[in-house]
Amino acid sequence: MGLLSNEISKDKVQIGDHIYTYRMMHIYSHHGIYVGNDTVIHYIGADVVGKSESKSRCGKCGHQPSPNLEGLLKTCLNCFLDGHRLFRFEYEVSSTNLVIQHHGTCSTRSCDKPEVVVERAWKLLNDGFGKYNLFENNCECFAFYCKTGKPMSLQATFAKSAGKAATKGINLNNGLPTPLRVAKNCVKLVWKPKLEMYIKDKYLANQPQNST
């Protein structure tokens, strides 16, 4: 993975990859699973800000963007990207990289084999993934579940950390988007509690959970 970016070209995407693309000027990222043949399975909610406006139907995959669409979709890669850049979510990264990288881009957890990931994605496309919830059951939860068998959203984890910090009067600004910003702000006393809280929540969210 890159130190500052997980961006890849379209010809580098592989079957079973957990991919994502940014929306709303990098405010949030949209996630999906690449299942081959230029096809992505991804999960969208009707109330998500920044979704594509209604457009004509795609001549390749038949997808017709609409703000009212909700649920699991099967589209071509171009429809998934909607004109934005392509990134690959990385697994089994070091704890150091986990902290340095922007939330929702990587995990310390291991992932399953591509064939298992793709099988989960196709099964969920048919069976559903429950009701969409921005914090508890979103596109990242779906993609992470396909890769690991456990749903999780690091974007939601960060948002919850931000909520905790806000109650304590800590300004999170834009989170920890780059190593340079981390280095700059870590020397400031006001960032110490923020950094400790963020690292703790982010690290714990990536730890394997015991099966019950």
N, C-alpha and C. Protein backbone atom coordinates (compact mmCIF):
# COMPACT_ATOMS: atom_id res chain seq x y z
N MET A 1 0.83 -1.19 0.00
CA MET A 1 0.00 0.00 0.00
C MET A 1 0.87 1.25 0.00
N GLY A 2 0.36 2.33 -0.56
CA GLY A 2 1.11 3.57 -0.58
C GLY A 2 1.07 4.23 0.79
N LEU A 3 2.11 5.02 1.10
CA LEU A 3 2.16 5.69 2.39
C LEU A 3 1.06 6.71 2.52
N LEU A 4 0.76 7.41 1.43
CA LEU A 4 -0.24 8.47 1.48
C LEU A 4 -1.53 8.12 0.76
N SER A 5 -1.51 7.10 -0.08
CA SER A 5 -2.70 6.81 -0.87
C SER A 5 -2.76 5.34 -1.29
N ASN A 6 -3.97 4.81 -1.33
CA ASN A 6 -4.20 3.45 -1.81
C ASN A 6 -4.76 3.46 -3.23
N GLU A 7 -4.56 4.56 -3.94
CA GLU A 7 -5.13 4.68 -5.28
C GLU A 7 -4.52 3.66 -6.24
N ILE A 8 -5.36 3.06 -7.08
CA ILE A 8 -4.91 2.12 -8.09
C ILE A 8 -5.56 2.46 -9.42
N SER A 9 -4.99 1.97 -10.50
CA SER A 9 -5.60 2.14 -11.81
C SER A 9 -6.60 1.01 -12.04
N LYS A 10 -7.51 1.20 -12.96
CA LYS A 10 -8.56 0.21 -13.20
C LYS A 10 -7.99 -1.14 -13.62
N ASP A 11 -6.87 -1.13 -14.32
CA ASP A 11 -6.29 -2.39 -14.78
C ASP A 11 -5.60 -3.17 -13.66
N LYS A 12 -5.48 -2.58 -12.48
CA LYS A 12 -4.84 -3.25 -11.34
C LYS A 12 -5.85 -3.90 -10.38
N VAL A 13 -7.13 -3.61 -10.55
CA VAL A 13 -8.13 -4.18 -9.64
C VAL A 13 -8.24 -5.68 -9.87
N GLN A 14 -8.39 -6.43 -8.78
CA GLN A 14 -8.42 -7.89 -8.85
C GLN A 14 -9.72 -8.42 -8.26
N ILE A 15 -10.10 -9.61 -8.71
CA ILE A 15 -11.31 -10.25 -8.22
C ILE A 15 -11.22 -10.42 -6.70
N GLY A 16 -12.26 -10.02 -6.01
CA GLY A 16 -12.28 -10.14 -4.55
C GLY A 16 -11.75 -8.91 -3.84
N ASP A 17 -11.31 -7.91 -4.58
CA ASP A 17 -10.80 -6.68 -3.95
C ASP A 17 -11.93 -5.90 -3.28
N HIS A 18 -11.62 -5.37 -2.11
CA HIS A 18 -12.47 -4.39 -1.44
C HIS A 18 -12.01 -3.04 -1.96
N ILE A 19 -12.84 -2.38 -2.73
CA ILE A 19 -12.46 -1.10 -3.34
C ILE A 19 -13.33 0.02 -2.80
N TYR A 20 -12.87 1.23 -2.98
CA TYR A 20 -13.65 2.39 -2.54
C TYR A 20 -13.32 3.59 -3.39
N THR A 21 -14.19 4.57 -3.33
CA THR A 21 -14.00 5.82 -4.04
C THR A 21 -14.59 6.93 -3.18
N TYR A 22 -14.04 8.11 -3.29
CA TYR A 22 -14.49 9.21 -2.43
C TYR A 22 -15.65 9.97 -3.03
N ARG A 23 -16.46 10.54 -2.16
CA ARG A 23 -17.60 11.36 -2.55
C ARG A 23 -17.53 12.69 -1.78
N MET A 24 -18.23 13.68 -2.29
CA MET A 24 -18.37 14.95 -1.58
C MET A 24 -17.02 15.53 -1.14
N MET A 25 -16.08 15.64 -2.10
CA MET A 25 -14.77 16.24 -1.82
C MET A 25 -14.05 15.54 -0.66
N HIS A 26 -14.06 14.21 -0.70
CA HIS A 26 -13.37 13.38 0.29
C HIS A 26 -14.01 13.40 1.67
N ILE A 27 -15.23 13.87 1.78
CA ILE A 27 -15.90 13.87 3.08
C ILE A 27 -16.17 12.43 3.53
N TYR A 28 -16.56 11.59 2.60
CA TYR A 28 -16.76 10.18 2.94
C TYR A 28 -16.40 9.33 1.73
N SER A 29 -16.26 8.01 1.95
CA SER A 29 -15.92 7.10 0.86
C SER A 29 -17.03 6.07 0.67
N HIS A 30 -17.18 5.63 -0.57
CA HIS A 30 -18.17 4.60 -0.91
C HIS A 30 -17.42 3.32 -1.23
N HIS A 31 -17.87 2.19 -0.64
CA HIS A 31 -17.14 0.93 -0.72
C HIS A 31 -17.92 -0.14 -1.47
N GLY A 32 -17.19 -1.10 -2.04
CA GLY A 32 -17.81 -2.21 -2.72
C GLY A 32 -16.83 -3.35 -2.91
N ILE A 33 -17.32 -4.45 -3.47
CA ILE A 33 -16.49 -5.63 -3.76
C ILE A 33 -16.44 -5.86 -5.26
N TYR A 34 -15.23 -5.95 -5.79
CA TYR A 34 -15.07 -6.23 -7.21
C TYR A 34 -15.17 -7.74 -7.42
N VAL A 35 -16.13 -8.19 -8.22
CA VAL A 35 -16.38 -9.62 -8.39
C VAL A 35 -15.96 -10.13 -9.77
N GLY A 36 -15.27 -9.30 -10.54
CA GLY A 36 -14.79 -9.71 -11.85
C GLY A 36 -15.68 -9.24 -12.98
N ASN A 37 -15.18 -9.37 -14.20
CA ASN A 37 -15.93 -8.98 -15.40
C ASN A 37 -16.45 -7.54 -15.32
N ASP A 38 -15.61 -6.66 -14.80
CA ASP A 38 -15.94 -5.23 -14.69
C ASP A 38 -17.19 -4.99 -13.84
N THR A 39 -17.41 -5.84 -12.84
CA THR A 39 -18.62 -5.77 -12.03
C THR A 39 -18.29 -5.53 -10.56
N VAL A 40 -19.03 -4.63 -9.94
CA VAL A 40 -18.88 -4.33 -8.52
C VAL A 40 -20.22 -4.50 -7.83
N ILE A 41 -20.21 -5.15 -6.67
CA ILE A 41 -21.41 -5.25 -5.84
C ILE A 41 -21.21 -4.29 -4.67
N HIS A 42 -22.16 -3.38 -4.50
CA HIS A 42 -22.02 -2.37 -3.45
C HIS A 42 -23.39 -2.03 -2.85
N TYR A 43 -23.35 -1.37 -1.73
CA TYR A 43 -24.54 -1.13 -0.90
C TYR A 43 -24.76 0.36 -0.74
N ILE A 44 -25.96 0.83 -1.03
CA ILE A 44 -26.23 2.27 -0.92
C ILE A 44 -27.49 2.51 -0.10
N GLY A 45 -27.55 3.69 0.50
CA GLY A 45 -28.72 4.10 1.27
C GLY A 45 -29.41 5.27 0.62
N ALA A 46 -30.72 5.32 0.74
CA ALA A 46 -31.50 6.38 0.09
C ALA A 46 -31.23 7.74 0.70
N ASP A 47 -30.77 7.78 1.96
CA ASP A 47 -30.60 9.06 2.65
C ASP A 47 -29.15 9.56 2.64
N VAL A 48 -28.31 8.94 1.82
CA VAL A 48 -26.90 9.33 1.80
C VAL A 48 -26.72 10.61 0.99
N VAL A 49 -26.07 11.59 1.59
CA VAL A 49 -25.81 12.86 0.91
C VAL A 49 -24.72 12.66 -0.14
N GLY A 50 -24.88 13.32 -1.28
CA GLY A 50 -23.84 13.26 -2.30
C GLY A 50 -24.02 12.15 -3.30
N LYS A 51 -25.15 11.45 -3.27
CA LYS A 51 -25.40 10.40 -4.26
C LYS A 51 -25.62 11.02 -5.62
N SER A 52 -25.46 10.18 -6.65
CA SER A 52 -25.64 10.66 -8.01
C SER A 52 -27.07 11.11 -8.24
N GLU A 53 -27.22 12.20 -8.99
CA GLU A 53 -28.54 12.63 -9.41
C GLU A 53 -29.05 11.67 -10.48
N SER A 54 -30.34 11.73 -10.75
CA SER A 54 -30.92 10.85 -11.75
C SER A 54 -30.24 11.07 -13.10
N LYS A 55 -29.82 9.99 -13.72
CA LYS A 55 -29.16 10.03 -15.02
C LYS A 55 -29.76 8.96 -15.91
N SER A 56 -29.35 8.99 -17.16
CA SER A 56 -29.83 7.96 -18.09
C SER A 56 -29.23 6.61 -17.72
N ARG A 57 -29.87 5.56 -18.15
CA ARG A 57 -29.43 4.21 -17.83
C ARG A 57 -28.09 3.90 -18.50
N CYS A 58 -27.20 3.23 -17.78
CA CYS A 58 -25.90 2.86 -18.31
C CYS A 58 -26.06 1.84 -19.43
N GLY A 59 -25.43 2.10 -20.57
CA GLY A 59 -25.55 1.18 -21.69
C GLY A 59 -24.79 -0.11 -21.50
N LYS A 60 -23.88 -0.16 -20.50
CA LYS A 60 -23.08 -1.36 -20.28
C LYS A 60 -23.70 -2.29 -19.25
N CYS A 61 -24.07 -1.74 -18.08
CA CYS A 61 -24.58 -2.60 -17.01
C CYS A 61 -26.06 -2.42 -16.73
N GLY A 62 -26.68 -1.41 -17.33
CA GLY A 62 -28.11 -1.19 -17.13
C GLY A 62 -28.46 -0.40 -15.89
N HIS A 63 -27.44 0.02 -15.14
CA HIS A 63 -27.70 0.78 -13.91
C HIS A 63 -28.21 2.18 -14.25
N GLN A 64 -29.24 2.61 -13.52
CA GLN A 64 -29.76 3.97 -13.69
C GLN A 64 -29.69 4.70 -12.35
N PRO A 65 -28.71 5.59 -12.18
CA PRO A 65 -28.55 6.29 -10.90
C PRO A 65 -29.80 7.09 -10.52
N SER A 66 -30.10 7.08 -9.24
CA SER A 66 -31.23 7.84 -8.72
C SER A 66 -31.01 8.09 -7.24
N PRO A 67 -31.34 9.27 -6.74
CA PRO A 67 -31.20 9.56 -5.31
C PRO A 67 -32.06 8.65 -4.43
N ASN A 68 -33.07 8.02 -5.02
CA ASN A 68 -33.99 7.20 -4.23
C ASN A 68 -33.57 5.74 -4.14
N LEU A 69 -32.51 5.35 -4.86
CA LEU A 69 -32.07 3.96 -4.83
C LEU A 69 -31.55 3.58 -3.45
N GLU A 70 -31.86 2.37 -3.02
CA GLU A 70 -31.34 1.86 -1.75
C GLU A 70 -31.19 0.36 -1.84
N GLY A 71 -30.15 -0.16 -1.19
CA GLY A 71 -29.93 -1.60 -1.15
C GLY A 71 -28.67 -2.01 -1.88
N LEU A 72 -28.51 -3.32 -2.10
CA LEU A 72 -27.34 -3.84 -2.79
C LEU A 72 -27.51 -3.73 -4.29
N LEU A 73 -26.46 -3.28 -4.96
CA LEU A 73 -26.50 -3.09 -6.40
C LEU A 73 -25.36 -3.86 -7.06
N LYS A 74 -25.59 -4.26 -8.29
CA LYS A 74 -24.54 -4.85 -9.14
C LYS A 74 -24.38 -3.91 -10.33
N THR A 75 -23.22 -3.26 -10.43
CA THR A 75 -23.00 -2.30 -11.50
C THR A 75 -21.61 -2.51 -12.12
N CYS A 76 -21.36 -1.83 -13.20
CA CYS A 76 -20.01 -1.83 -13.77
C CYS A 76 -19.12 -0.94 -12.91
N LEU A 77 -17.82 -1.05 -13.11
CA LEU A 77 -16.88 -0.29 -12.32
C LEU A 77 -17.05 1.21 -12.51
N ASN A 78 -17.32 1.64 -13.74
CA ASN A 78 -17.49 3.06 -14.00
C ASN A 78 -18.69 3.64 -13.26
N CYS A 79 -19.78 2.89 -13.19
CA CYS A 79 -20.95 3.36 -12.45
C CYS A 79 -20.66 3.44 -10.96
N PHE A 80 -19.89 2.48 -10.46
CA PHE A 80 -19.50 2.51 -9.05
C PHE A 80 -18.67 3.75 -8.75
N LEU A 81 -17.73 4.05 -9.63
CA LEU A 81 -16.84 5.19 -9.41
C LEU A 81 -17.55 6.53 -9.61
N ASP A 82 -18.49 6.56 -10.53
CA ASP A 82 -19.26 7.78 -10.81
C ASP A 82 -18.34 8.98 -11.09
N GLY A 83 -17.29 8.73 -11.86
CA GLY A 83 -16.39 9.81 -12.23
C GLY A 83 -15.28 10.10 -11.25
N HIS A 84 -15.20 9.34 -10.17
CA HIS A 84 -14.18 9.58 -9.15
C HIS A 84 -13.04 8.56 -9.26
N ARG A 85 -12.02 8.73 -8.45
CA ARG A 85 -10.83 7.87 -8.51
C ARG A 85 -11.05 6.55 -7.76
N LEU A 86 -10.23 5.57 -8.12
CA LEU A 86 -10.36 4.22 -7.57
C LEU A 86 -9.27 3.94 -6.53
N PHE A 87 -9.68 3.35 -5.40
CA PHE A 87 -8.76 2.99 -4.33
C PHE A 87 -9.02 1.55 -3.89
N ARG A 88 -7.97 0.90 -3.38
CA ARG A 88 -8.11 -0.44 -2.83
C ARG A 88 -7.93 -0.40 -1.32
N PHE A 89 -8.89 -0.96 -0.59
CA PHE A 89 -8.81 -1.07 0.87
C PHE A 89 -7.79 -2.16 1.19
N GLU A 90 -6.85 -1.87 2.09
CA GLU A 90 -5.78 -2.82 2.41
C GLU A 90 -6.03 -3.52 3.75
N TYR A 91 -5.67 -4.81 3.79
CA TYR A 91 -5.80 -5.61 5.01
C TYR A 91 -4.42 -6.06 5.49
N GLU A 92 -4.37 -6.45 6.77
CA GLU A 92 -3.14 -6.92 7.41
C GLU A 92 -2.03 -5.87 7.38
N VAL A 93 -2.41 -4.62 7.59
CA VAL A 93 -1.40 -3.57 7.68
C VAL A 93 -0.86 -3.51 9.11
N SER A 94 0.26 -2.87 9.29
CA SER A 94 0.83 -2.74 10.62
C SER A 94 0.01 -1.74 11.44
N SER A 95 0.16 -1.80 12.74
CA SER A 95 -0.55 -0.86 13.62
C SER A 95 -0.11 0.57 13.33
N THR A 96 1.14 0.75 12.97
CA THR A 96 1.64 2.08 12.63
C THR A 96 0.94 2.64 11.40
N ASN A 97 0.83 1.82 10.36
CA ASN A 97 0.15 2.25 9.14
C ASN A 97 -1.33 2.52 9.41
N LEU A 98 -1.91 1.73 10.29
CA LEU A 98 -3.33 1.91 10.61
C LEU A 98 -3.58 3.32 11.16
N VAL A 99 -2.68 3.77 12.02
CA VAL A 99 -2.84 5.09 12.63
C VAL A 99 -2.56 6.20 11.62
N ILE A 100 -1.54 6.01 10.78
CA ILE A 100 -1.15 7.03 9.82
C ILE A 100 -2.18 7.23 8.73
N GLN A 101 -2.75 6.12 8.23
CA GLN A 101 -3.67 6.20 7.11
C GLN A 101 -5.01 6.83 7.50
N HIS A 102 -5.65 7.41 6.51
CA HIS A 102 -6.98 7.99 6.72
C HIS A 102 -7.96 6.89 7.12
N HIS A 103 -8.91 7.23 8.02
CA HIS A 103 -9.89 6.25 8.45
C HIS A 103 -10.68 5.71 7.26
N GLY A 104 -11.00 4.40 7.31
CA GLY A 104 -11.77 3.78 6.24
C GLY A 104 -10.96 3.39 5.03
N THR A 105 -9.64 3.20 5.20
CA THR A 105 -8.79 2.83 4.08
C THR A 105 -8.01 1.54 4.28
N CYS A 106 -7.92 1.06 5.53
CA CYS A 106 -7.12 -0.13 5.79
C CYS A 106 -7.51 -0.73 7.14
N SER A 107 -7.01 -1.96 7.38
CA SER A 107 -7.29 -2.66 8.62
C SER A 107 -6.13 -3.59 8.96
N THR A 108 -5.93 -3.83 10.25
CA THR A 108 -4.90 -4.78 10.68
C THR A 108 -5.39 -6.22 10.57
N ARG A 109 -6.67 -6.40 10.36
CA ARG A 109 -7.23 -7.74 10.29
C ARG A 109 -6.86 -8.44 8.99
N SER A 110 -6.84 -9.77 9.06
CA SER A 110 -6.62 -10.57 7.86
C SER A 110 -7.94 -10.72 7.12
N CYS A 111 -7.87 -11.09 5.85
CA CYS A 111 -9.08 -11.27 5.06
C CYS A 111 -9.11 -12.66 4.44
N ASP A 112 -10.26 -13.06 3.98
CA ASP A 112 -10.42 -14.39 3.40
C ASP A 112 -9.99 -14.42 1.94
N LYS A 113 -9.94 -15.61 1.40
CA LYS A 113 -9.52 -15.80 0.01
C LYS A 113 -10.52 -15.14 -0.94
N PRO A 114 -10.06 -14.69 -2.10
CA PRO A 114 -10.93 -14.00 -3.05
C PRO A 114 -12.20 -14.77 -3.40
N GLU A 115 -12.09 -16.08 -3.57
CA GLU A 115 -13.28 -16.85 -3.94
C GLU A 115 -14.34 -16.85 -2.84
N VAL A 116 -13.88 -16.82 -1.58
CA VAL A 116 -14.81 -16.75 -0.45
C VAL A 116 -15.48 -15.37 -0.42
N VAL A 117 -14.68 -14.34 -0.64
CA VAL A 117 -15.17 -12.96 -0.64
C VAL A 117 -16.24 -12.77 -1.71
N VAL A 118 -15.95 -13.23 -2.91
CA VAL A 118 -16.88 -13.08 -4.03
C VAL A 118 -18.16 -13.88 -3.79
N GLU A 119 -18.02 -15.07 -3.23
CA GLU A 119 -19.20 -15.89 -2.93
C GLU A 119 -20.12 -15.19 -1.93
N ARG A 120 -19.53 -14.57 -0.92
CA ARG A 120 -20.34 -13.83 0.07
C ARG A 120 -21.07 -12.67 -0.60
N ALA A 121 -20.35 -11.96 -1.46
CA ALA A 121 -20.95 -10.79 -2.11
C ALA A 121 -22.16 -11.19 -2.97
N TRP A 122 -22.00 -12.24 -3.77
CA TRP A 122 -23.11 -12.70 -4.61
C TRP A 122 -24.28 -13.19 -3.77
N LYS A 123 -23.97 -13.89 -2.68
CA LYS A 123 -25.04 -14.41 -1.81
C LYS A 123 -25.83 -13.27 -1.18
N LEU A 124 -25.11 -12.25 -0.71
CA LEU A 124 -25.78 -11.12 -0.09
C LEU A 124 -26.57 -10.31 -1.11
N LEU A 125 -26.10 -10.27 -2.34
CA LEU A 125 -26.85 -9.58 -3.38
C LEU A 125 -28.23 -10.21 -3.54
N ASN A 126 -28.30 -11.52 -3.38
CA ASN A 126 -29.57 -12.24 -3.50
C ASN A 126 -30.37 -12.21 -2.20
N ASP A 127 -29.67 -12.34 -1.06
CA ASP A 127 -30.36 -12.47 0.23
C ASP A 127 -30.59 -11.14 0.94
N GLY A 128 -29.81 -10.13 0.58
CA GLY A 128 -29.92 -8.84 1.26
C GLY A 128 -28.94 -8.70 2.40
N PHE A 129 -28.77 -7.48 2.88
CA PHE A 129 -27.83 -7.20 3.96
C PHE A 129 -28.50 -6.36 5.05
N GLY A 130 -29.79 -6.52 5.19
CA GLY A 130 -30.51 -5.79 6.22
C GLY A 130 -30.81 -4.36 5.79
N LYS A 131 -31.36 -3.60 6.70
CA LYS A 131 -31.73 -2.21 6.41
C LYS A 131 -30.50 -1.32 6.53
N TYR A 132 -30.35 -0.43 5.56
CA TYR A 132 -29.20 0.47 5.54
C TYR A 132 -29.24 1.42 6.74
N ASN A 133 -28.09 1.58 7.38
CA ASN A 133 -27.94 2.54 8.47
C ASN A 133 -26.57 3.18 8.33
N LEU A 134 -26.54 4.49 8.30
CA LEU A 134 -25.30 5.22 8.02
C LEU A 134 -24.16 4.85 8.96
N PHE A 135 -24.48 4.54 10.23
CA PHE A 135 -23.43 4.25 11.20
C PHE A 135 -23.29 2.78 11.54
N GLU A 136 -24.36 2.02 11.41
CA GLU A 136 -24.34 0.64 11.87
C GLU A 136 -24.36 -0.40 10.75
N ASN A 137 -24.84 -0.03 9.56
CA ASN A 137 -24.95 -1.02 8.49
C ASN A 137 -24.85 -0.31 7.14
N ASN A 138 -23.62 0.05 6.77
CA ASN A 138 -23.41 0.84 5.57
C ASN A 138 -22.58 0.10 4.53
N CYS A 139 -22.14 0.81 3.49
CA CYS A 139 -21.41 0.17 2.40
C CYS A 139 -20.08 -0.42 2.86
N GLU A 140 -19.41 0.25 3.80
CA GLU A 140 -18.15 -0.27 4.31
C GLU A 140 -18.38 -1.52 5.15
N CYS A 141 -19.46 -1.53 5.93
CA CYS A 141 -19.81 -2.73 6.70
C CYS A 141 -20.00 -3.93 5.77
N PHE A 142 -20.69 -3.70 4.66
CA PHE A 142 -20.93 -4.76 3.68
C PHE A 142 -19.62 -5.29 3.10
N ALA A 143 -18.77 -4.38 2.62
CA ALA A 143 -17.51 -4.80 2.00
C ALA A 143 -16.60 -5.48 3.01
N PHE A 144 -16.54 -4.95 4.24
CA PHE A 144 -15.70 -5.54 5.27
C PHE A 144 -16.20 -6.92 5.65
N TYR A 145 -17.53 -7.08 5.68
CA TYR A 145 -18.10 -8.40 5.98
C TYR A 145 -17.74 -9.40 4.89
N CYS A 146 -17.83 -8.98 3.65
CA CYS A 146 -17.48 -9.89 2.55
C CYS A 146 -16.02 -10.33 2.66
N LYS A 147 -15.15 -9.45 3.11
CA LYS A 147 -13.72 -9.77 3.20
C LYS A 147 -13.36 -10.58 4.43
N THR A 148 -14.07 -10.37 5.55
CA THR A 148 -13.65 -10.97 6.82
C THR A 148 -14.70 -11.83 7.51
N GLY A 149 -15.96 -11.69 7.11
CA GLY A 149 -17.03 -12.40 7.81
C GLY A 149 -17.57 -11.62 8.99
N LYS A 150 -17.04 -10.40 9.19
CA LYS A 150 -17.50 -9.54 10.29
C LYS A 150 -17.76 -8.14 9.74
N PRO A 151 -18.96 -7.57 10.00
CA PRO A 151 -19.25 -6.22 9.50
C PRO A 151 -18.59 -5.15 10.37
N MET A 152 -18.00 -4.15 9.74
CA MET A 152 -17.39 -3.06 10.50
C MET A 152 -17.20 -1.87 9.57
N SER A 153 -17.32 -0.67 10.13
CA SER A 153 -17.07 0.55 9.37
C SER A 153 -16.11 1.45 10.15
N LEU A 154 -14.90 1.62 9.61
CA LEU A 154 -13.94 2.50 10.27
C LEU A 154 -14.34 3.96 10.16
N GLN A 155 -15.10 4.30 9.11
CA GLN A 155 -15.62 5.67 9.01
C GLN A 155 -16.56 5.94 10.17
N ALA A 156 -17.42 4.95 10.47
CA ALA A 156 -18.36 5.11 11.58
C ALA A 156 -17.61 5.16 12.92
N THR A 157 -16.57 4.33 13.04
CA THR A 157 -15.76 4.33 14.26
C THR A 157 -15.16 5.71 14.49
N PHE A 158 -14.64 6.32 13.41
CA PHE A 158 -14.07 7.66 13.53
C PHE A 158 -15.14 8.67 13.90
N ALA A 159 -16.33 8.57 13.29
CA ALA A 159 -17.41 9.51 13.56
C ALA A 159 -17.82 9.43 15.04
N LYS A 160 -17.84 8.21 15.57
CA LYS A 160 -18.19 8.04 16.98
C LYS A 160 -17.10 8.63 17.88
N SER A 161 -15.84 8.45 17.47
CA SER A 161 -14.73 9.05 18.22
C SER A 161 -14.85 10.56 18.20
N ALA A 162 -15.25 11.09 17.04
CA ALA A 162 -15.41 12.54 16.92
C ALA A 162 -16.50 13.03 17.86
N GLY A 163 -17.57 12.23 17.98
CA GLY A 163 -18.65 12.60 18.89
C GLY A 163 -18.18 12.63 20.34
N LYS A 164 -17.37 11.63 20.71
CA LYS A 164 -16.83 11.60 22.07
C LYS A 164 -15.94 12.82 22.32
N ALA A 165 -15.11 13.12 21.32
CA ALA A 165 -14.19 14.25 21.47
C ALA A 165 -14.95 15.57 21.58
N ALA A 166 -16.01 15.69 20.79
CA ALA A 166 -16.79 16.92 20.78
C ALA A 166 -17.38 17.21 22.16
N THR A 167 -17.80 16.15 22.84
CA THR A 167 -18.39 16.34 24.17
C THR A 167 -17.34 16.82 25.18
N LYS A 168 -16.06 16.62 24.83
CA LYS A 168 -14.98 17.06 25.71
C LYS A 168 -14.34 18.34 25.21
N GLY A 169 -14.92 18.93 24.17
CA GLY A 169 -14.41 20.19 23.65
C GLY A 169 -13.15 20.06 22.83
N ILE A 170 -12.89 18.87 22.25
CA ILE A 170 -11.69 18.66 21.44
C ILE A 170 -12.06 18.83 19.97
N ASN A 171 -11.33 19.68 19.26
CA ASN A 171 -11.59 19.93 17.84
C ASN A 171 -10.88 18.88 16.99
N LEU A 172 -11.65 18.05 16.29
CA LEU A 172 -11.06 17.00 15.48
C LEU A 172 -10.65 17.46 14.09
N ASN A 173 -11.07 18.65 13.68
CA ASN A 173 -10.77 19.13 12.35
C ASN A 173 -11.13 18.07 11.32
N ASN A 174 -10.15 17.59 10.56
CA ASN A 174 -10.39 16.59 9.52
C ASN A 174 -9.88 15.22 9.91
N GLY A 175 -9.78 14.94 11.18
CA GLY A 175 -9.29 13.63 11.58
C GLY A 175 -7.78 13.58 11.43
N LEU A 176 -7.25 12.45 11.01
CA LEU A 176 -5.82 12.28 10.81
C LEU A 176 -5.57 11.89 9.36
N PRO A 177 -5.77 12.81 8.41
CA PRO A 177 -5.72 12.44 7.00
C PRO A 177 -4.34 12.18 6.44
N THR A 178 -3.29 12.79 6.98
CA THR A 178 -1.96 12.58 6.43
C THR A 178 -0.93 12.51 7.53
N PRO A 179 0.19 11.81 7.29
CA PRO A 179 1.25 11.74 8.29
C PRO A 179 1.79 13.13 8.64
N LEU A 180 1.82 14.04 7.68
CA LEU A 180 2.34 15.38 7.95
C LEU A 180 1.45 16.11 8.94
N ARG A 181 0.13 15.97 8.78
CA ARG A 181 -0.78 16.64 9.69
C ARG A 181 -0.70 16.01 11.07
N VAL A 182 -0.51 14.68 11.10
CA VAL A 182 -0.35 14.01 12.39
C VAL A 182 0.88 14.56 13.11
N ALA A 183 2.00 14.64 12.38
CA ALA A 183 3.24 15.12 12.99
C ALA A 183 3.10 16.55 13.47
N LYS A 184 2.43 17.37 12.69
CA LYS A 184 2.27 18.77 13.04
C LYS A 184 1.43 18.94 14.29
N ASN A 185 0.38 18.19 14.40
CA ASN A 185 -0.57 18.39 15.49
C ASN A 185 -0.25 17.59 16.75
N CYS A 186 0.54 16.52 16.58
CA CYS A 186 0.86 15.71 17.76
C CYS A 186 1.67 16.50 18.78
N VAL A 187 2.37 17.52 18.32
CA VAL A 187 3.19 18.30 19.24
C VAL A 187 2.36 19.30 20.03
N LYS A 188 1.12 19.45 19.65
CA LYS A 188 0.26 20.39 20.35
C LYS A 188 -0.47 19.66 21.48
N LEU A 189 -0.47 20.26 22.62
CA LEU A 189 -1.06 19.61 23.79
C LEU A 189 -2.53 19.31 23.58
N VAL A 190 -3.24 20.18 22.87
CA VAL A 190 -4.67 19.97 22.70
C VAL A 190 -4.95 18.72 21.88
N TRP A 191 -3.97 18.27 21.06
CA TRP A 191 -4.19 17.08 20.23
C TRP A 191 -3.87 15.79 20.96
N LYS A 192 -3.21 15.88 22.11
CA LYS A 192 -2.82 14.66 22.80
C LYS A 192 -4.03 13.81 23.18
N PRO A 193 -5.06 14.37 23.84
CA PRO A 193 -6.22 13.53 24.16
C PRO A 193 -6.95 13.05 22.92
N LYS A 194 -6.97 13.89 21.87
CA LYS A 194 -7.62 13.49 20.62
C LYS A 194 -6.91 12.30 20.00
N LEU A 195 -5.58 12.37 19.94
CA LEU A 195 -4.82 11.31 19.32
C LEU A 195 -4.96 10.01 20.09
N GLU A 196 -4.87 10.11 21.42
CA GLU A 196 -5.01 8.92 22.25
C GLU A 196 -6.37 8.26 22.06
N MET A 197 -7.42 9.08 22.05
CA MET A 197 -8.78 8.56 21.88
C MET A 197 -8.96 7.92 20.51
N TYR A 198 -8.45 8.62 19.47
CA TYR A 198 -8.61 8.13 18.11
C TYR A 198 -7.86 6.82 17.90
N ILE A 199 -6.61 6.76 18.36
CA ILE A 199 -5.81 5.55 18.20
C ILE A 199 -6.46 4.38 18.93
N LYS A 200 -6.92 4.64 20.16
CA LYS A 200 -7.55 3.58 20.94
C LYS A 200 -8.77 3.02 20.23
N ASP A 201 -9.68 3.90 19.79
CA ASP A 201 -10.90 3.45 19.12
C ASP A 201 -10.59 2.76 17.80
N LYS A 202 -9.66 3.32 17.04
CA LYS A 202 -9.33 2.76 15.73
C LYS A 202 -8.66 1.40 15.88
N TYR A 203 -7.74 1.28 16.85
CA TYR A 203 -7.03 0.02 17.05
C TYR A 203 -7.95 -1.07 17.57
N LEU A 204 -8.76 -0.75 18.56
CA LEU A 204 -9.68 -1.72 19.14
C LEU A 204 -10.70 -2.21 18.12
N ALA A 205 -11.12 -1.32 17.24
CA ALA A 205 -12.11 -1.70 16.23
C ALA A 205 -11.53 -2.70 15.25
N ASN A 206 -10.21 -2.78 15.16
CA ASN A 206 -9.57 -3.69 14.21
C ASN A 206 -9.17 -5.02 14.83
N GLN A 207 -9.40 -5.18 16.13
CA GLN A 207 -9.00 -6.42 16.77
C GLN A 207 -10.02 -7.53 16.55
N PRO A 208 -9.55 -8.76 16.32
CA PRO A 208 -10.48 -9.89 16.13
C PRO A 208 -11.38 -10.06 17.34
N GLN A 209 -12.62 -10.41 17.08
CA GLN A 209 -13.57 -10.64 18.15
C GLN A 209 -13.77 -12.13 18.33
N ASN A 210 -13.89 -12.57 19.59
CA ASN A 210 -14.13 -13.97 19.84
C ASN A 210 -15.50 -14.39 19.39
N SER A 211 -15.58 -15.52 18.73
CA SER A 211 -16.86 -16.04 18.29
C SER A 211 -17.67 -16.50 19.48
N THR A 212 -18.99 -16.29 19.42
CA THR A 212 -19.85 -16.70 20.52
C THR A 212 -20.67 -17.89 20.09
